[in-house]
Amino acid sequence: MLLHDLHIRKIAPPQGKYNAAQRIAYTAIIVMGLGSVITGLAIYKPVQFYYLTWLCGGYHLARIWHFVLTIGYVLFFLVHIIQVILAGWRNFQSVITGFEVVNERPKPAIETSNDDEKA
């Protein structure tokens, strides 16, 4: 997907509702959220949550991990904004509302054929 987004490959890879890059990104955000909670608790109460502080490599390393995760959130946000711009603003409504608006064209009326016209 990255090669397609960078205009190196012309054909987009096959996808369902979410492509592989989106699945990786959304899974990473969930893992990052868990990491932020753990490092945040280790920074907030390092004595009470000494086991979390130890797990993070100490107070100072927990602060570094927390900062790195924050940078990851900012990058995730910026990439999302870039993707919205590339996809076009017409898709922006589905981002806000959570559902996609599909404009269906009315189906043409069924035409009946006369045998007289065929002759």
Protein backbone atom coordinates (compact mmCIF):
# COMPACT_ATOMS: atom_id res chain seq x y z
CA MET A 1 0.00 0.00 0.00
CA LEU A 2 2.88 2.32 0.77
CA LEU A 3 4.27 1.88 -2.74
CA HIS A 4 0.87 2.78 -4.19
CA ASP A 5 0.55 5.84 -1.96
CA LEU A 6 4.02 7.02 -3.01
CA HIS A 7 3.03 6.56 -6.68
CA ILE A 8 5.72 3.93 -7.23
CA ARG A 9 3.20 1.18 -8.01
CA LYS A 10 0.16 2.07 -10.11
CA ILE A 11 -2.17 -0.73 -9.00
CA ALA A 12 -3.47 -0.72 -5.43
CA PRO A 13 -3.23 -4.05 -3.61
CA PRO A 14 -6.48 -5.96 -3.08
CA GLN A 15 -8.33 -5.06 0.07
CA GLY A 16 -11.49 -5.63 1.99
CA LYS A 17 -12.91 -3.08 4.38
CA TYR A 18 -9.39 -2.27 5.67
CA ASN A 19 -6.15 -2.88 3.81
CA ALA A 20 -3.02 -4.36 5.39
CA ALA A 21 -1.47 -0.98 6.21
CA GLN A 22 -4.64 0.14 8.00
CA ARG A 23 -4.82 -3.08 10.01
CA ILE A 24 -1.22 -2.68 11.12
CA ALA A 25 -1.73 1.00 12.00
CA TYR A 26 -4.92 0.43 14.00
CA THR A 27 -3.44 -2.54 15.86
CA ALA A 28 -0.34 -0.47 16.62
CA ILE A 29 -2.50 2.33 18.06
CA ILE A 30 -4.15 -0.12 20.47
CA VAL A 31 -0.74 -1.44 21.57
CA MET A 32 0.55 2.14 21.87
CA GLY A 33 -2.45 3.03 24.04
CA LEU A 34 -1.63 0.17 26.39
CA GLY A 35 1.99 1.33 26.44
CA SER A 36 0.93 4.87 27.25
CA VAL A 37 -1.17 3.71 30.18
CA ILE A 38 1.67 1.59 31.57
CA THR A 39 4.34 4.28 31.14
CA GLY A 40 1.94 6.97 32.37
CA LEU A 41 1.28 5.08 35.60
CA ALA A 42 5.01 4.43 36.00
CA ILE A 43 5.67 8.17 35.70
CA TYR A 44 2.68 9.27 37.78
CA LYS A 45 3.34 7.07 40.83
CA PRO A 46 6.78 5.47 40.49
CA VAL A 47 6.87 4.29 44.11
CA GLN A 48 3.35 2.83 44.26
CA PHE A 49 3.69 1.23 40.80
CA TYR A 50 7.32 0.22 41.24
CA TYR A 51 6.76 -2.99 39.25
CA LEU A 52 5.56 -0.97 36.25
CA THR A 53 8.48 1.43 36.64
CA TRP A 54 10.85 -1.56 36.72
CA LEU A 55 9.09 -3.07 33.69
CA CYS A 56 9.64 0.16 31.76
CA GLY A 57 13.33 0.21 32.63
CA GLY A 58 13.19 2.81 35.38
CA TYR A 59 11.63 6.22 35.79
CA HIS A 60 13.75 8.04 33.20
CA LEU A 61 13.34 5.36 30.55
CA ALA A 62 9.58 5.30 31.22
CA ARG A 63 9.50 9.04 30.48
CA ILE A 64 11.39 8.48 27.24
CA TRP A 65 9.02 5.66 26.20
CA HIS A 66 6.04 7.85 27.03
CA PHE A 67 7.44 10.69 24.91
CA VAL A 68 8.17 8.34 21.98
CA LEU A 69 4.60 7.04 22.13
CA THR A 70 3.31 10.61 22.06
CA ILE A 71 5.35 11.29 18.93
CA GLY A 72 3.83 8.11 17.45
CA TYR A 73 0.32 9.48 18.06
CA VAL A 74 1.20 12.75 16.35
CA LEU A 75 2.63 10.90 13.34
CA PHE A 76 -0.45 8.68 13.18
CA PHE A 77 -2.65 11.79 13.18
CA LEU A 78 -0.60 13.53 10.48
CA VAL A 79 -0.64 10.47 8.22
CA HIS A 80 -4.42 10.29 8.63
CA ILE A 81 -4.82 13.92 7.61
CA ILE A 82 -2.59 13.35 4.56
CA GLN A 83 -4.63 10.26 3.61
CA VAL A 84 -7.88 12.22 3.87
CA ILE A 85 -6.46 14.92 1.59
CA LEU A 86 -5.26 12.31 -0.93
CA ALA A 87 -8.58 10.44 -0.86
CA GLY A 88 -10.51 13.64 -1.41
CA TRP A 89 -12.73 15.70 0.81
CA ARG A 90 -15.86 13.91 -0.42
CA ASN A 91 -14.87 11.01 1.82
CA PHE A 92 -14.46 13.28 4.84
CA GLN A 93 -18.13 13.00 5.81
CA SER A 94 -17.75 9.26 6.41
CA VAL A 95 -14.80 9.99 8.69
CA ILE A 96 -16.91 12.32 10.85
CA THR A 97 -20.21 10.44 10.84
CA GLY A 98 -18.88 6.88 10.81
CA PHE A 99 -20.99 5.74 7.88
CA GLU A 100 -20.68 6.08 4.16
CA VAL A 101 -23.27 7.95 2.15
CA VAL A 102 -23.97 6.21 -1.14
CA ASN A 103 -25.88 8.05 -3.84
CA GLU A 104 -27.69 5.41 -5.82
CA ARG A 105 -29.03 6.25 -9.23
CA PRO A 106 -32.64 5.29 -9.82
CA LYS A 107 -32.96 2.14 -11.88
CA PRO A 108 -34.47 2.64 -15.32
CA ALA A 109 -38.03 1.49 -15.79
CA ILE A 110 -38.39 -1.97 -17.22
CA GLU A 111 -39.13 -1.69 -20.90
CA THR A 112 -41.67 -4.04 -22.36
CA SER A 113 -41.07 -5.19 -25.88
CA ASN A 114 -43.79 -5.51 -28.44
CA ASP A 115 -43.60 -8.32 -30.91
CA ASP A 116 -44.93 -5.97 -33.58
CA GLU A 117 -41.89 -3.69 -33.28
CA LYS A 118 -39.48 -6.56 -33.83
CA ALA A 119 -40.94 -7.44 -37.21
